[in-house]
Amino acid sequence: MSFRRQPKNVTDLVSSILKDKKFNEKAQSVDFFDRWEEIVGQEYAKCCRPHSLNKGTLLIEAIDAVYIQELSMQEKALKKKICDLGYGGTVSSIKFISGNPKNIGSDKRRR
């Protein structure tokens, strides 16, 4: 008796990958992170960056508590801008953390 599997149709395989919620979220976050300056503006992009996106929660890393406070007051506007750019259901909540100023504003991004 042979236990060989039948080859999968490429269309079915790609479709199943794209339906995977985690894969979709990761793919969107990559593009989303690349458009960060467009979302927050040039000035804020120098002082904060997206750290991670997990289950709809965007974690933003900022250089100090002042920027965390300013951005937290703009949470609603940030979500609207994210939605306007085509990432409608991507972010349901935003949390803020203090980060290393050396890493913020550089191209060193954790994904």
C-alpha atoms as a PDB file:
ATOM      1  CA  MET A   1       0.000   0.000   0.000  1.00  0.00           C
ATOM      2  CA  SER A   2       1.379   3.394  -0.998  1.00  0.00           C
ATOM      3  CA  PHE A   3       0.989   6.486   1.164  1.00  0.00           C
ATOM      4  CA  ARG A   4       2.091   8.992  -1.453  1.00  0.00           C
ATOM      5  CA  ARG A   5       0.254  12.277  -1.419  1.00  0.00           C
ATOM      6  CA  GLN A   6      -1.247  13.761  -4.487  1.00  0.00           C
ATOM      7  CA  PRO A   7       0.392  17.027  -5.573  1.00  0.00           C
ATOM      8  CA  LYS A   8      -1.525  20.115  -4.561  1.00  0.00           C
ATOM      9  CA  ASN A   9      -2.831  22.570  -7.066  1.00  0.00           C
ATOM     10  CA  VAL A  10      -0.741  25.767  -6.907  1.00  0.00           C
ATOM     11  CA  THR A  11      -3.868  27.929  -6.973  1.00  0.00           C
ATOM     12  CA  ASP A  12      -5.292  26.099  -3.951  1.00  0.00           C
ATOM     13  CA  LEU A  13      -1.988  26.355  -2.106  1.00  0.00           C
ATOM     14  CA  VAL A  14      -1.610  30.104  -2.696  1.00  0.00           C
ATOM     15  CA  SER A  15      -5.252  30.653  -1.779  1.00  0.00           C
ATOM     16  CA  SER A  16      -4.838  28.805   1.525  1.00  0.00           C
ATOM     17  CA  ILE A  17      -1.723  30.845   2.370  1.00  0.00           C
ATOM     18  CA  LEU A  18      -3.477  34.133   1.623  1.00  0.00           C
ATOM     19  CA  LYS A  19      -6.426  33.138   3.806  1.00  0.00           C
ATOM     20  CA  ASP A  20      -4.090  32.598   6.749  1.00  0.00           C
ATOM     21  CA  LYS A  21      -4.773  35.587   9.060  1.00  0.00           C
ATOM     22  CA  LYS A  22      -1.248  35.681  10.496  1.00  0.00           C
ATOM     23  CA  PHE A  23       0.312  35.695   7.040  1.00  0.00           C
ATOM     24  CA  ASN A  24      -2.020  38.475   5.918  1.00  0.00           C
ATOM     25  CA  GLU A  25      -1.294  40.584   8.986  1.00  0.00           C
ATOM     26  CA  LYS A  26       2.469  40.140   8.585  1.00  0.00           C
ATOM     27  CA  ALA A  27       2.318  41.039   4.889  1.00  0.00           C
ATOM     28  CA  GLN A  28       0.278  44.158   5.645  1.00  0.00           C
ATOM     29  CA  SER A  29       2.557  45.216   8.484  1.00  0.00           C
ATOM     30  CA  VAL A  30       5.609  45.107   6.212  1.00  0.00           C
ATOM     31  CA  ASP A  31       4.006  47.579   3.793  1.00  0.00           C
ATOM     32  CA  PHE A  32       2.464  49.485   6.658  1.00  0.00           C
ATOM     33  CA  PHE A  33       5.842  49.951   8.391  1.00  0.00           C
ATOM     34  CA  ASP A  34       7.425  51.142   5.133  1.00  0.00           C
ATOM     35  CA  ARG A  35       4.804  53.910   4.909  1.00  0.00           C
ATOM     36  CA  TRP A  36       5.325  55.092   8.484  1.00  0.00           C
ATOM     37  CA  GLU A  37       6.516  58.608   7.596  1.00  0.00           C
ATOM     38  CA  GLU A  38       3.446  59.040   5.415  1.00  0.00           C
ATOM     39  CA  ILE A  39       1.254  58.044   8.359  1.00  0.00           C
ATOM     40  CA  VAL A  40       2.756  60.148  11.150  1.00  0.00           C
ATOM     41  CA  GLY A  41       4.558  62.856   9.206  1.00  0.00           C
ATOM     42  CA  GLN A  42       8.229  63.624   8.802  1.00  0.00           C
ATOM     43  CA  GLU A  43       8.726  65.203  12.241  1.00  0.00           C
ATOM     44  CA  TYR A  44       7.167  62.332  14.221  1.00  0.00           C
ATOM     45  CA  ALA A  45       8.893  59.736  12.052  1.00  0.00           C
ATOM     46  CA  LYS A  46      12.197  61.043  13.430  1.00  0.00           C
ATOM     47  CA  CYS A  47      11.005  60.427  16.999  1.00  0.00           C
ATOM     48  CA  CYS A  48       8.923  57.269  16.815  1.00  0.00           C
ATOM     49  CA  ARG A  49       8.554  54.104  14.796  1.00  0.00           C
ATOM     50  CA  PRO A  50       6.268  51.117  14.584  1.00  0.00           C
ATOM     51  CA  HIS A  51       7.695  48.342  16.713  1.00  0.00           C
ATOM     52  CA  SER A  52       5.262  45.530  15.982  1.00  0.00           C
ATOM     53  CA  LEU A  53       1.755  44.691  14.867  1.00  0.00           C
ATOM     54  CA  ASN A  54       0.175  41.754  16.652  1.00  0.00           C
ATOM     55  CA  LYS A  55      -3.492  40.756  16.552  1.00  0.00           C
ATOM     56  CA  GLY A  56      -4.532  44.274  15.588  1.00  0.00           C
ATOM     57  CA  THR A  57      -2.474  46.016  18.268  1.00  0.00           C
ATOM     58  CA  LEU A  58       0.123  48.404  16.907  1.00  0.00           C
ATOM     59  CA  LEU A  59       3.041  48.946  19.264  1.00  0.00           C
ATOM     60  CA  ILE A  60       4.762  52.290  18.674  1.00  0.00           C
ATOM     61  CA  GLU A  61       8.223  52.960  20.053  1.00  0.00           C
ATOM     62  CA  ALA A  62       8.987  56.635  20.851  1.00  0.00           C
ATOM     63  CA  ILE A  63      12.130  58.316  22.135  1.00  0.00           C
ATOM     64  CA  ASP A  64      10.526  59.716  25.280  1.00  0.00           C
ATOM     65  CA  ALA A  65       7.348  60.190  27.288  1.00  0.00           C
ATOM     66  CA  VAL A  66       6.598  63.555  25.662  1.00  0.00           C
ATOM     67  CA  TYR A  67       6.183  61.956  22.240  1.00  0.00           C
ATOM     68  CA  ILE A  68       4.274  59.054  23.729  1.00  0.00           C
ATOM     69  CA  GLN A  69       1.838  61.536  25.278  1.00  0.00           C
ATOM     70  CA  GLU A  70       1.484  63.552  22.052  1.00  0.00           C
ATOM     71  CA  LEU A  71       0.913  60.466  19.929  1.00  0.00           C
ATOM     72  CA  SER A  72      -1.533  58.933  22.392  1.00  0.00           C
ATOM     73  CA  MET A  73      -3.668  62.069  22.104  1.00  0.00           C
ATOM     74  CA  GLN A  74      -3.642  61.574  18.330  1.00  0.00           C
ATOM     75  CA  GLU A  75      -4.563  57.877  18.419  1.00  0.00           C
ATOM     76  CA  LYS A  76      -7.911  58.405  16.715  1.00  0.00           C
ATOM     77  CA  ALA A  77      -6.329  60.487  13.925  1.00  0.00           C
ATOM     78  CA  LEU A  78      -3.571  57.896  13.452  1.00  0.00           C
ATOM     79  CA  LYS A  79      -6.126  55.090  13.085  1.00  0.00           C
ATOM     80  CA  LYS A  80      -8.056  57.190  10.551  1.00  0.00           C
ATOM     81  CA  LYS A  81      -4.898  57.881   8.526  1.00  0.00           C
ATOM     82  CA  ILE A  82      -4.039  54.169   8.588  1.00  0.00           C
ATOM     83  CA  CYS A  83      -7.551  53.358   7.393  1.00  0.00           C
ATOM     84  CA  ASP A  84      -7.410  56.056   4.689  1.00  0.00           C
ATOM     85  CA  LEU A  85      -4.217  54.478   3.335  1.00  0.00           C
ATOM     86  CA  GLY A  86      -6.026  51.181   2.817  1.00  0.00           C
ATOM     87  CA  TYR A  87      -5.209  49.290   6.009  1.00  0.00           C
ATOM     88  CA  GLY A  88      -8.780  49.394   7.310  1.00  0.00           C
ATOM     89  CA  GLY A  89      -8.952  46.475   9.727  1.00  0.00           C
ATOM     90  CA  THR A  90      -5.232  46.252  10.378  1.00  0.00           C
ATOM     91  CA  VAL A  91      -5.053  48.327  13.588  1.00  0.00           C
ATOM     92  CA  SER A  92      -7.702  48.090  16.293  1.00  0.00           C
ATOM     93  CA  SER A  93      -5.636  49.556  19.133  1.00  0.00           C
ATOM     94  CA  ILE A  94      -2.362  51.389  19.639  1.00  0.00           C
ATOM     95  CA  LYS A  95       0.061  51.027  22.541  1.00  0.00           C
ATOM     96  CA  PHE A  96       3.208  53.038  23.152  1.00  0.00           C
ATOM     97  CA  ILE A  97       6.606  52.200  24.605  1.00  0.00           C
ATOM     98  CA  SER A  98       9.752  54.155  25.243  1.00  0.00           C
ATOM     99  CA  GLY A  99      12.523  53.128  22.890  1.00  0.00           C
ATOM    100  CA  ASN A 100      16.180  53.580  22.177  1.00  0.00           C
ATOM    101  CA  PRO A 101      16.687  56.930  20.405  1.00  0.00           C
ATOM    102  CA  LYS A 102      19.616  55.476  18.441  1.00  0.00           C
ATOM    103  CA  ASN A 103      17.307  52.999  16.699  1.00  0.00           C
ATOM    104  CA  ILE A 104      14.438  55.400  16.053  1.00  0.00           C
ATOM    105  CA  GLY A 105      14.650  57.329  12.828  1.00  0.00           C
ATOM    106  CA  SER A 106      17.128  54.836  11.390  1.00  0.00           C
ATOM    107  CA  ASP A 107      16.420  51.977   9.031  1.00  0.00           C
ATOM    108  CA  LYS A 108      16.928  49.391  11.789  1.00  0.00           C
ATOM    109  CA  ARG A 109      13.464  47.901  12.086  1.00  0.00           C
ATOM    110  CA  ARG A 110      12.399  44.780  13.886  1.00  0.00           C
ATOM    111  CA  ARG A 111       9.810  42.697  12.080  1.00  0.00           C
END
